[in-house]
């Protein structure tokens, strides 16, 4: 009986290997950010973007970070809770709220590495326009064909990767266990 992988195209292996390397590199960079500056990679990205152009609204930041209003709003709320960002009424239009990096946020950025999203965007920018279009189209088609189209698009690593060590004894937070292997909620979401 032939090996199940023998009928697969070499391009499948190349694509999966490239994806694995990218995910591994991104995860490693995100973990280093969390360990070194104690904020998530998504928080660092938003903080960096806000530091470059102060007095932005959440809507402005969503456009700059290429994500949704609700995603950026959640990250901004986390940054405000950590004292890294303030939200105030715009002096020229009191109905509009603007965001500013605090002194604490500025100090954190001085010691922080570059946000990994910036490297991804810069790397993507080195491709020719036709390559960028082909890559974006190919990734979207692959996502749909893999049954992952229903998975929400959030900021990269907007949730902490590094977790506290498990305590011994009973789980004091029932229902928080991970789903068993093979039970992929994202695939189930795509089939609904």
N, C-alpha and C. Protein backbone atom coordinates (compact mmCIF):
# COMPACT_ATOMS: atom_id res chain seq x y z
N UNK A 1 0.85 -1.18 0.00
CA UNK A 1 0.00 0.00 0.00
C UNK A 1 0.89 1.24 0.00
N UNK A 2 0.64 2.22 -0.92
CA UNK A 2 1.48 3.41 -0.97
C UNK A 2 1.24 4.30 0.24
N UNK A 3 2.26 5.06 0.55
CA UNK A 3 2.14 6.00 1.66
C UNK A 3 1.07 7.05 1.32
N UNK A 4 0.28 7.46 2.32
CA UNK A 4 -0.76 8.45 2.05
C UNK A 4 -0.22 9.77 1.51
N UNK A 5 1.00 10.12 1.87
CA UNK A 5 1.55 11.40 1.43
C UNK A 5 2.17 11.32 0.04
N UNK A 6 2.31 10.14 -0.53
CA UNK A 6 3.01 10.00 -1.80
C UNK A 6 2.27 10.68 -2.95
N UNK A 7 0.97 10.87 -2.84
CA UNK A 7 0.21 11.50 -3.92
C UNK A 7 0.16 13.02 -3.78
N UNK A 8 0.65 13.53 -2.69
CA UNK A 8 0.60 14.98 -2.48
C UNK A 8 1.66 15.67 -3.33
N UNK A 9 1.34 16.86 -3.72
CA UNK A 9 2.24 17.65 -4.54
C UNK A 9 3.37 18.24 -3.69
N UNK A 10 4.55 18.43 -4.29
CA UNK A 10 5.64 19.06 -3.53
C UNK A 10 5.27 20.47 -3.05
N UNK A 11 4.37 21.15 -3.79
CA UNK A 11 3.96 22.49 -3.38
C UNK A 11 3.23 22.48 -2.04
N UNK A 12 2.51 21.38 -1.75
CA UNK A 12 1.81 21.27 -0.47
C UNK A 12 2.83 21.28 0.65
N UNK A 13 3.89 20.51 0.49
CA UNK A 13 4.94 20.45 1.50
C UNK A 13 5.61 21.82 1.66
N UNK A 14 5.90 22.47 0.54
CA UNK A 14 6.53 23.80 0.61
C UNK A 14 5.64 24.80 1.33
N UNK A 15 4.35 24.79 1.00
CA UNK A 15 3.41 25.74 1.61
C UNK A 15 3.26 25.47 3.11
N UNK A 16 3.09 24.20 3.47
CA UNK A 16 2.94 23.86 4.89
C UNK A 16 4.21 24.18 5.68
N UNK A 17 5.37 23.87 5.10
CA UNK A 17 6.63 24.18 5.79
C UNK A 17 6.80 25.69 5.97
N UNK A 18 6.47 26.47 4.95
CA UNK A 18 6.57 27.93 5.07
C UNK A 18 5.60 28.44 6.13
N UNK A 19 4.37 27.90 6.14
CA UNK A 19 3.38 28.32 7.13
C UNK A 19 3.83 27.95 8.54
N UNK A 20 4.35 26.73 8.70
CA UNK A 20 4.84 26.30 10.02
C UNK A 20 5.96 27.22 10.52
N UNK A 21 6.89 27.53 9.62
CA UNK A 21 8.01 28.39 10.01
C UNK A 21 7.53 29.78 10.39
N UNK A 22 6.55 30.30 9.63
CA UNK A 22 6.03 31.62 9.93
C UNK A 22 5.31 31.62 11.28
N UNK A 23 4.45 30.63 11.50
CA UNK A 23 3.72 30.55 12.77
C UNK A 23 4.68 30.38 13.93
N UNK A 24 5.67 29.52 13.75
CA UNK A 24 6.65 29.30 14.83
C UNK A 24 7.43 30.58 15.14
N UNK A 25 7.86 31.28 14.09
CA UNK A 25 8.60 32.53 14.28
C UNK A 25 7.75 33.60 14.94
N UNK A 26 6.49 33.69 14.52
CA UNK A 26 5.58 34.68 15.11
C UNK A 26 5.29 34.35 16.57
N UNK A 27 5.06 33.08 16.84
CA UNK A 27 4.77 32.67 18.22
C UNK A 27 5.98 32.94 19.12
N UNK A 28 7.16 32.63 18.62
CA UNK A 28 8.39 32.85 19.40
C UNK A 28 8.59 34.34 19.68
N UNK A 29 8.37 35.17 18.66
CA UNK A 29 8.52 36.61 18.84
C UNK A 29 7.47 37.15 19.82
N UNK A 30 6.23 36.65 19.70
CA UNK A 30 5.16 37.10 20.60
C UNK A 30 5.44 36.70 22.04
N UNK A 31 5.96 35.49 22.24
CA UNK A 31 6.30 35.05 23.60
C UNK A 31 7.42 35.90 24.18
N UNK A 32 8.40 36.25 23.35
CA UNK A 32 9.52 37.08 23.82
C UNK A 32 9.02 38.47 24.22
N UNK A 33 8.08 39.01 23.45
CA UNK A 33 7.50 40.32 23.78
C UNK A 33 6.80 40.25 25.13
N UNK A 34 5.97 39.22 25.31
CA UNK A 34 5.24 39.08 26.58
C UNK A 34 6.20 38.93 27.76
N UNK A 35 7.25 38.15 27.55
CA UNK A 35 8.21 37.90 28.63
C UNK A 35 9.01 39.17 28.95
N UNK A 36 9.41 39.90 27.91
CA UNK A 36 10.30 41.05 28.09
C UNK A 36 9.60 42.34 28.49
N UNK A 37 8.43 42.61 27.91
CA UNK A 37 7.76 43.89 28.20
C UNK A 37 6.39 43.73 28.85
N UNK A 38 5.97 42.49 29.07
CA UNK A 38 4.74 42.19 29.83
C UNK A 38 3.45 42.70 29.19
N UNK A 39 3.45 42.83 27.88
CA UNK A 39 2.21 43.09 27.16
C UNK A 39 2.17 42.16 25.96
N UNK A 40 0.99 41.97 25.38
CA UNK A 40 0.87 41.07 24.24
C UNK A 40 1.43 41.73 22.98
N UNK A 41 1.68 40.92 21.97
CA UNK A 41 2.17 41.44 20.69
C UNK A 41 1.16 42.40 20.08
N UNK A 42 -0.12 42.10 20.21
CA UNK A 42 -1.16 42.99 19.68
C UNK A 42 -1.14 44.33 20.41
N UNK A 43 -0.97 44.29 21.73
CA UNK A 43 -0.91 45.53 22.51
C UNK A 43 0.30 46.36 22.10
N UNK A 44 1.44 45.70 21.88
CA UNK A 44 2.64 46.42 21.47
C UNK A 44 2.43 47.08 20.11
N UNK A 45 1.79 46.36 19.19
CA UNK A 45 1.54 46.90 17.85
C UNK A 45 0.66 48.15 17.92
N UNK A 46 -0.43 48.07 18.66
CA UNK A 46 -1.34 49.22 18.78
C UNK A 46 -0.64 50.38 19.48
N UNK A 47 0.08 50.09 20.54
CA UNK A 47 0.81 51.13 21.27
C UNK A 47 1.83 51.81 20.36
N UNK A 48 2.56 51.03 19.57
CA UNK A 48 3.55 51.58 18.64
C UNK A 48 2.90 52.48 17.60
N UNK A 49 1.79 52.02 17.05
CA UNK A 49 1.09 52.81 16.03
C UNK A 49 0.55 54.10 16.62
N UNK A 50 0.03 54.04 17.83
CA UNK A 50 -0.50 55.24 18.49
C UNK A 50 0.62 56.22 18.84
N UNK A 51 1.78 55.71 19.21
CA UNK A 51 2.92 56.58 19.54
C UNK A 51 3.40 57.34 18.31
N UNK A 52 3.29 56.72 17.14
CA UNK A 52 3.74 57.38 15.90
C UNK A 52 2.82 58.53 15.51
N UNK A 53 1.51 58.35 15.73
CA UNK A 53 0.53 59.39 15.39
C UNK A 53 -0.43 59.52 16.57
N UNK A 54 -0.14 60.43 17.50
CA UNK A 54 -1.01 60.58 18.67
C UNK A 54 -2.38 61.15 18.30
N UNK A 55 -3.27 61.12 19.27
CA UNK A 55 -4.63 61.67 19.14
C UNK A 55 -5.45 60.97 18.06
N UNK A 56 -5.27 59.67 17.93
CA UNK A 56 -6.10 58.90 17.01
C UNK A 56 -7.32 58.39 17.76
N UNK A 57 -8.37 58.12 17.02
CA UNK A 57 -9.55 57.47 17.59
C UNK A 57 -9.39 55.97 17.41
N UNK A 58 -10.27 55.20 18.02
CA UNK A 58 -10.24 53.75 17.83
C UNK A 58 -10.47 53.44 16.35
N UNK A 59 -11.35 54.19 15.71
CA UNK A 59 -11.62 53.99 14.28
C UNK A 59 -10.34 54.20 13.46
N UNK A 60 -9.60 55.27 13.78
CA UNK A 60 -8.34 55.55 13.09
C UNK A 60 -7.36 54.39 13.28
N UNK A 61 -7.23 53.93 14.51
CA UNK A 61 -6.31 52.83 14.81
C UNK A 61 -6.71 51.54 14.10
N UNK A 62 -8.01 51.29 13.99
CA UNK A 62 -8.47 50.09 13.28
C UNK A 62 -8.01 50.14 11.82
N UNK A 63 -8.10 51.32 11.21
CA UNK A 63 -7.65 51.46 9.82
C UNK A 63 -6.14 51.27 9.71
N UNK A 64 -5.40 51.89 10.61
CA UNK A 64 -3.94 51.81 10.57
C UNK A 64 -3.44 50.38 10.82
N UNK A 65 -4.10 49.67 11.74
CA UNK A 65 -3.66 48.32 12.08
C UNK A 65 -4.32 47.25 11.21
N UNK A 66 -5.19 47.69 10.30
CA UNK A 66 -5.86 46.78 9.36
C UNK A 66 -6.68 45.70 10.06
N UNK A 67 -7.38 46.11 11.11
CA UNK A 67 -8.24 45.19 11.85
C UNK A 67 -9.60 45.86 12.08
N UNK A 68 -10.44 45.19 12.83
CA UNK A 68 -11.78 45.71 13.06
C UNK A 68 -11.82 46.67 14.25
N UNK A 69 -12.84 47.49 14.26
CA UNK A 69 -13.06 48.44 15.35
C UNK A 69 -13.15 47.71 16.69
N UNK A 70 -13.92 46.62 16.73
CA UNK A 70 -14.11 45.91 18.01
C UNK A 70 -12.82 45.28 18.51
N UNK A 71 -12.00 44.75 17.61
CA UNK A 71 -10.73 44.16 18.01
C UNK A 71 -9.81 45.22 18.61
N UNK A 72 -9.68 46.35 17.91
CA UNK A 72 -8.81 47.42 18.41
C UNK A 72 -9.35 47.99 19.71
N UNK A 73 -10.66 48.09 19.81
CA UNK A 73 -11.28 48.62 21.03
C UNK A 73 -10.92 47.76 22.24
N UNK A 74 -10.93 46.44 22.06
CA UNK A 74 -10.56 45.53 23.15
C UNK A 74 -9.10 45.73 23.55
N UNK A 75 -8.22 45.82 22.56
CA UNK A 75 -6.79 46.00 22.85
C UNK A 75 -6.56 47.35 23.52
N UNK A 76 -7.22 48.39 23.05
CA UNK A 76 -7.09 49.72 23.65
C UNK A 76 -7.56 49.69 25.11
N UNK A 77 -8.66 49.01 25.37
CA UNK A 77 -9.15 48.91 26.76
C UNK A 77 -8.11 48.25 27.66
N UNK A 78 -7.42 47.24 27.14
CA UNK A 78 -6.36 46.57 27.91
C UNK A 78 -5.20 47.53 28.17
N UNK A 79 -4.85 48.33 27.16
CA UNK A 79 -3.76 49.30 27.32
C UNK A 79 -4.13 50.39 28.32
N UNK A 80 -5.38 50.82 28.30
CA UNK A 80 -5.84 51.83 29.27
C UNK A 80 -5.79 51.24 30.68
N UNK A 81 -6.24 50.00 30.83
CA UNK A 81 -6.23 49.35 32.15
C UNK A 81 -4.82 49.21 32.70
N UNK A 82 -3.82 49.09 31.82
CA UNK A 82 -2.43 48.96 32.25
C UNK A 82 -1.76 50.32 32.44
N UNK A 83 -2.50 51.40 32.17
CA UNK A 83 -1.94 52.74 32.33
C UNK A 83 -0.99 53.15 31.22
N UNK A 84 -1.09 52.51 30.07
CA UNK A 84 -0.19 52.81 28.95
C UNK A 84 -0.80 53.80 27.96
N UNK A 85 -2.13 53.95 28.01
CA UNK A 85 -2.86 54.82 27.08
C UNK A 85 -3.95 55.54 27.86
N UNK A 86 -4.27 56.76 27.43
CA UNK A 86 -5.42 57.48 27.99
C UNK A 86 -6.41 57.76 26.87
N UNK A 87 -7.68 57.87 27.27
CA UNK A 87 -8.74 58.23 26.32
C UNK A 87 -9.37 59.52 26.83
N UNK A 88 -9.38 60.56 25.99
CA UNK A 88 -9.96 61.84 26.38
C UNK A 88 -10.84 62.36 25.24
N UNK A 89 -11.69 63.32 25.58
CA UNK A 89 -12.52 63.95 24.55
C UNK A 89 -11.64 64.83 23.67
N UNK A 90 -11.90 64.80 22.38
CA UNK A 90 -11.18 65.63 21.43
C UNK A 90 -11.51 67.10 21.72
N UNK A 91 -10.48 67.94 21.78
CA UNK A 91 -10.68 69.36 22.11
C UNK A 91 -11.53 70.07 21.06
N UNK A 92 -11.42 69.65 19.79
CA UNK A 92 -12.17 70.32 18.73
C UNK A 92 -13.55 69.71 18.50
N UNK A 93 -13.74 68.46 18.92
CA UNK A 93 -15.04 67.79 18.77
C UNK A 93 -15.25 66.88 19.97
N UNK A 94 -15.96 67.37 20.95
CA UNK A 94 -16.15 66.66 22.21
C UNK A 94 -16.84 65.32 22.07
N UNK A 95 -17.49 65.07 20.92
CA UNK A 95 -18.15 63.77 20.71
C UNK A 95 -17.14 62.68 20.35
N UNK A 96 -15.97 63.10 19.94
CA UNK A 96 -14.93 62.16 19.48
C UNK A 96 -13.92 61.94 20.60
N UNK A 97 -13.59 60.68 20.86
CA UNK A 97 -12.57 60.35 21.86
C UNK A 97 -11.25 60.11 21.16
N UNK A 98 -10.19 60.67 21.72
CA UNK A 98 -8.85 60.46 21.17
C UNK A 98 -7.98 59.74 22.19
N UNK A 99 -7.01 59.04 21.67
CA UNK A 99 -6.12 58.21 22.49
C UNK A 99 -4.72 58.79 22.48
N UNK A 100 -4.07 58.68 23.63
CA UNK A 100 -2.68 59.15 23.74
C UNK A 100 -1.88 58.14 24.56
N UNK A 101 -0.63 57.98 24.18
CA UNK A 101 0.27 57.13 24.93
C UNK A 101 0.71 57.90 26.18
N UNK A 102 0.66 57.24 27.33
CA UNK A 102 1.08 57.87 28.58
C UNK A 102 2.61 57.86 28.70
N UNK A 103 3.12 58.53 29.70
CA UNK A 103 4.57 58.51 29.96
C UNK A 103 5.04 57.07 30.21
N UNK A 104 4.23 56.33 30.96
CA UNK A 104 4.55 54.92 31.23
C UNK A 104 4.60 54.13 29.92
N UNK A 105 3.66 54.40 29.01
CA UNK A 105 3.65 53.74 27.71
C UNK A 105 4.86 54.09 26.87
N UNK A 106 5.25 55.36 26.91
CA UNK A 106 6.43 55.82 26.17
C UNK A 106 7.69 55.14 26.72
N UNK A 107 7.80 55.04 28.03
CA UNK A 107 8.95 54.36 28.64
C UNK A 107 8.99 52.90 28.24
N UNK A 108 7.84 52.25 28.23
CA UNK A 108 7.78 50.84 27.83
C UNK A 108 8.26 50.68 26.39
N UNK A 109 7.81 51.58 25.50
CA UNK A 109 8.20 51.49 24.09
C UNK A 109 9.70 51.67 23.89
N UNK A 110 10.34 52.47 24.73
CA UNK A 110 11.79 52.67 24.61
C UNK A 110 12.55 51.36 24.77
N UNK A 111 12.03 50.48 25.61
CA UNK A 111 12.71 49.21 25.89
C UNK A 111 12.12 48.02 25.13
N UNK A 112 11.11 48.28 24.32
CA UNK A 112 10.41 47.18 23.63
C UNK A 112 11.04 46.89 22.27
N UNK A 113 10.96 45.64 21.85
CA UNK A 113 11.40 45.33 20.49
C UNK A 113 10.37 45.87 19.49
N UNK A 114 10.72 45.83 18.25
CA UNK A 114 9.78 46.24 17.20
C UNK A 114 8.62 45.24 17.18
N UNK A 115 7.41 45.73 16.95
CA UNK A 115 6.24 44.85 16.89
C UNK A 115 6.38 43.90 15.71
N UNK A 116 6.07 42.63 15.93
CA UNK A 116 6.23 41.63 14.87
C UNK A 116 5.33 41.91 13.68
N UNK A 117 4.19 42.55 13.92
CA UNK A 117 3.30 42.88 12.82
C UNK A 117 3.98 43.86 11.86
N UNK A 118 4.81 44.74 12.38
CA UNK A 118 5.54 45.68 11.54
C UNK A 118 6.49 44.94 10.60
N UNK A 119 7.13 43.89 11.11
CA UNK A 119 8.02 43.09 10.26
C UNK A 119 7.23 42.36 9.17
N UNK A 120 6.06 41.84 9.52
CA UNK A 120 5.23 41.17 8.52
C UNK A 120 4.80 42.14 7.42
N UNK A 121 4.36 43.31 7.82
CA UNK A 121 3.91 44.31 6.85
C UNK A 121 5.08 44.75 5.97
N UNK A 122 6.24 44.97 6.58
CA UNK A 122 7.42 45.37 5.81
C UNK A 122 7.84 44.26 4.85
N UNK A 123 7.82 43.02 5.32
CA UNK A 123 8.18 41.90 4.45
C UNK A 123 7.21 41.76 3.29
N UNK A 124 5.93 41.91 3.55
CA UNK A 124 4.92 41.82 2.50
C UNK A 124 5.13 42.93 1.47
N UNK A 125 5.56 44.09 1.95
CA UNK A 125 5.80 45.23 1.07
C UNK A 125 6.96 45.03 0.12
N UNK A 126 7.85 44.07 0.40
CA UNK A 126 8.98 43.82 -0.50
C UNK A 126 8.56 43.02 -1.73
N UNK A 127 7.37 42.42 -1.67
CA UNK A 127 6.88 41.66 -2.82
C UNK A 127 6.37 42.61 -3.91
N UNK A 128 6.43 42.14 -5.15
CA UNK A 128 5.86 42.92 -6.25
C UNK A 128 4.34 42.96 -6.08
N UNK A 129 3.68 44.00 -6.58
CA UNK A 129 2.22 44.08 -6.45
C UNK A 129 1.50 42.83 -6.93
N UNK A 130 1.95 42.25 -8.02
CA UNK A 130 1.30 41.03 -8.53
C UNK A 130 1.49 39.86 -7.56
N UNK A 131 2.66 39.79 -6.92
CA UNK A 131 2.90 38.73 -5.93
C UNK A 131 2.03 38.94 -4.69
N UNK A 132 1.86 40.19 -4.28
CA UNK A 132 1.01 40.47 -3.11
C UNK A 132 -0.43 40.06 -3.39
N UNK A 133 -0.93 40.41 -4.59
CA UNK A 133 -2.31 40.03 -4.94
C UNK A 133 -2.46 38.52 -5.01
N UNK A 134 -1.50 37.85 -5.64
CA UNK A 134 -1.57 36.38 -5.77
C UNK A 134 -1.51 35.71 -4.40
N UNK A 135 -0.64 36.19 -3.54
CA UNK A 135 -0.51 35.60 -2.21
C UNK A 135 -1.79 35.81 -1.41
N UNK A 136 -2.33 37.02 -1.43
CA UNK A 136 -3.57 37.29 -0.69
C UNK A 136 -4.72 36.43 -1.22
N UNK A 137 -4.84 36.34 -2.53
CA UNK A 137 -5.91 35.52 -3.13
C UNK A 137 -5.72 34.05 -2.79
N UNK A 138 -4.50 33.57 -2.90
CA UNK A 138 -4.21 32.17 -2.59
C UNK A 138 -4.49 31.83 -1.14
N UNK A 139 -4.09 32.70 -0.23
CA UNK A 139 -4.34 32.46 1.19
C UNK A 139 -5.84 32.44 1.49
N UNK A 140 -6.59 33.36 0.89
CA UNK A 140 -8.04 33.39 1.10
C UNK A 140 -8.70 32.12 0.57
N UNK A 141 -8.29 31.68 -0.61
CA UNK A 141 -8.86 30.44 -1.18
C UNK A 141 -8.50 29.24 -0.31
N UNK A 142 -7.27 29.19 0.17
CA UNK A 142 -6.82 28.08 1.02
C UNK A 142 -7.62 28.06 2.32
N UNK A 143 -7.85 29.22 2.89
CA UNK A 143 -8.64 29.35 4.11
C UNK A 143 -10.04 28.78 3.91
N UNK A 144 -10.68 29.17 2.81
CA UNK A 144 -12.03 28.68 2.52
C UNK A 144 -12.03 27.17 2.26
N UNK A 145 -11.08 26.70 1.47
CA UNK A 145 -11.02 25.27 1.13
C UNK A 145 -10.70 24.41 2.35
N UNK A 146 -10.05 24.99 3.34
CA UNK A 146 -9.71 24.25 4.56
C UNK A 146 -10.82 24.28 5.60
N UNK A 147 -11.92 24.96 5.29
CA UNK A 147 -13.04 25.04 6.22
C UNK A 147 -12.81 26.01 7.36
N UNK A 148 -11.93 26.97 7.17
CA UNK A 148 -11.60 27.91 8.24
C UNK A 148 -12.11 29.33 7.98
N UNK A 149 -12.96 29.48 6.98
CA UNK A 149 -13.43 30.82 6.61
C UNK A 149 -14.24 31.49 7.71
N UNK A 150 -14.88 30.72 8.57
CA UNK A 150 -15.72 31.31 9.63
C UNK A 150 -14.91 31.73 10.86
N UNK A 151 -13.63 31.40 10.90
CA UNK A 151 -12.80 31.79 12.05
C UNK A 151 -12.62 33.30 12.01
N UNK A 152 -12.93 33.99 13.11
CA UNK A 152 -12.81 35.45 13.11
C UNK A 152 -11.38 35.91 12.90
N UNK A 153 -11.25 37.02 12.20
CA UNK A 153 -9.94 37.63 11.97
C UNK A 153 -9.69 38.64 13.08
N UNK A 154 -8.79 38.29 13.98
CA UNK A 154 -8.44 39.19 15.07
C UNK A 154 -6.99 39.61 14.89
N UNK A 155 -6.52 40.45 15.76
CA UNK A 155 -5.10 40.82 15.71
C UNK A 155 -4.26 39.60 16.05
N UNK A 156 -3.09 39.55 15.47
CA UNK A 156 -2.18 38.46 15.81
C UNK A 156 -1.82 38.53 17.28
N UNK A 157 -2.01 37.42 17.96
CA UNK A 157 -1.61 37.28 19.35
C UNK A 157 -2.21 38.36 20.24
N UNK A 158 -3.54 38.55 20.10
CA UNK A 158 -4.20 39.52 20.97
C UNK A 158 -4.51 38.93 22.34
N UNK A 159 -4.36 37.63 22.47
CA UNK A 159 -4.51 36.96 23.76
C UNK A 159 -3.12 36.50 24.21
N UNK A 160 -2.84 36.50 25.50
CA UNK A 160 -1.53 36.08 25.98
C UNK A 160 -1.21 34.64 25.58
N UNK A 161 0.02 34.42 25.19
CA UNK A 161 0.50 33.07 24.87
C UNK A 161 1.08 32.39 26.09
N UNK A 162 1.77 33.18 26.89
CA UNK A 162 2.41 32.62 28.07
C UNK A 162 1.37 32.56 29.18
N UNK A 163 1.25 31.40 29.78
CA UNK A 163 0.27 31.25 30.84
C UNK A 163 0.98 30.93 32.14
N UNK A 164 0.28 31.19 33.22
CA UNK A 164 0.84 30.86 34.53
C UNK A 164 0.87 29.35 34.68
N UNK A 165 1.84 28.83 35.43
CA UNK A 165 1.88 27.39 35.65
C UNK A 165 0.61 26.92 36.33
N UNK A 166 0.21 25.72 35.96
CA UNK A 166 -0.99 25.15 36.57
C UNK A 166 -0.76 24.88 38.04
N UNK A 167 -1.80 25.15 38.83
CA UNK A 167 -1.70 24.83 40.25
C UNK A 167 -2.01 23.35 40.43
N UNK A 168 -1.47 22.80 41.47
CA UNK A 168 -1.72 21.40 41.74
C UNK A 168 -3.09 21.26 42.37
N UNK A 169 -3.67 20.13 42.16
CA UNK A 169 -4.98 19.90 42.77
C UNK A 169 -6.09 20.13 41.77
N UNK A 170 -7.27 20.30 42.30
CA UNK A 170 -8.45 20.44 41.46
C UNK A 170 -8.46 21.77 40.72
N UNK A 171 -9.10 21.75 39.56
CA UNK A 171 -9.26 22.96 38.78
C UNK A 171 -10.31 23.83 39.46
N UNK A 172 -9.92 25.01 39.88
CA UNK A 172 -10.84 25.92 40.56
C UNK A 172 -11.70 26.69 39.57
N UNK A 173 -11.44 26.49 38.30
CA UNK A 173 -12.18 27.20 37.27
C UNK A 173 -12.79 26.19 36.31
N UNK A 174 -13.86 25.47 36.71
CA UNK A 174 -14.43 24.44 35.86
C UNK A 174 -14.88 25.01 34.53
N UNK A 175 -14.74 24.19 33.51
CA UNK A 175 -15.14 24.61 32.18
C UNK A 175 -14.05 25.34 31.43
N UNK A 176 -12.90 25.56 32.08
CA UNK A 176 -11.84 26.29 31.41
C UNK A 176 -10.81 25.36 30.78
N UNK A 177 -11.06 24.06 30.83
CA UNK A 177 -10.11 23.13 30.26
C UNK A 177 -10.10 23.29 28.75
N UNK A 178 -9.00 22.88 28.15
CA UNK A 178 -8.89 22.90 26.70
C UNK A 178 -9.76 21.81 26.10
N UNK A 179 -10.19 22.05 24.87
CA UNK A 179 -10.95 21.03 24.16
C UNK A 179 -10.02 19.86 23.86
N UNK A 180 -10.54 18.62 23.85
CA UNK A 180 -9.69 17.48 23.55
C UNK A 180 -9.13 17.57 22.14
N UNK A 181 -7.99 16.92 21.93
CA UNK A 181 -7.38 16.90 20.60
C UNK A 181 -8.38 16.38 19.59
N UNK A 182 -8.35 16.95 18.41
CA UNK A 182 -9.24 16.51 17.36
C UNK A 182 -10.56 17.25 17.36
N UNK A 183 -10.89 17.91 18.44
CA UNK A 183 -12.12 18.68 18.51
C UNK A 183 -11.78 20.12 18.16
N UNK A 184 -11.82 20.44 16.88
CA UNK A 184 -11.41 21.75 16.41
C UNK A 184 -12.63 22.65 16.27
N UNK A 185 -12.85 23.57 17.22
CA UNK A 185 -14.03 24.42 17.16
C UNK A 185 -14.06 25.31 15.94
N UNK A 186 -12.90 25.67 15.40
CA UNK A 186 -12.89 26.53 14.23
C UNK A 186 -13.43 25.81 13.01
N UNK A 187 -13.14 24.50 12.89
CA UNK A 187 -13.69 23.74 11.76
C UNK A 187 -15.18 23.57 11.93
N UNK A 188 -15.61 23.34 13.17
CA UNK A 188 -17.04 23.19 13.41
C UNK A 188 -17.76 24.49 13.07
N UNK A 189 -17.14 25.62 13.37
CA UNK A 189 -17.76 26.91 13.06
C UNK A 189 -17.90 27.10 11.56
N UNK A 190 -16.95 26.57 10.80
CA UNK A 190 -17.00 26.70 9.35
C UNK A 190 -18.07 25.85 8.72
N UNK A 191 -18.54 24.79 9.40
CA UNK A 191 -19.54 23.89 8.83
C UNK A 191 -20.96 24.32 9.13
N UNK A 192 -21.13 25.24 10.04
CA UNK A 192 -22.49 25.66 10.43
C UNK A 192 -23.17 26.40 9.32
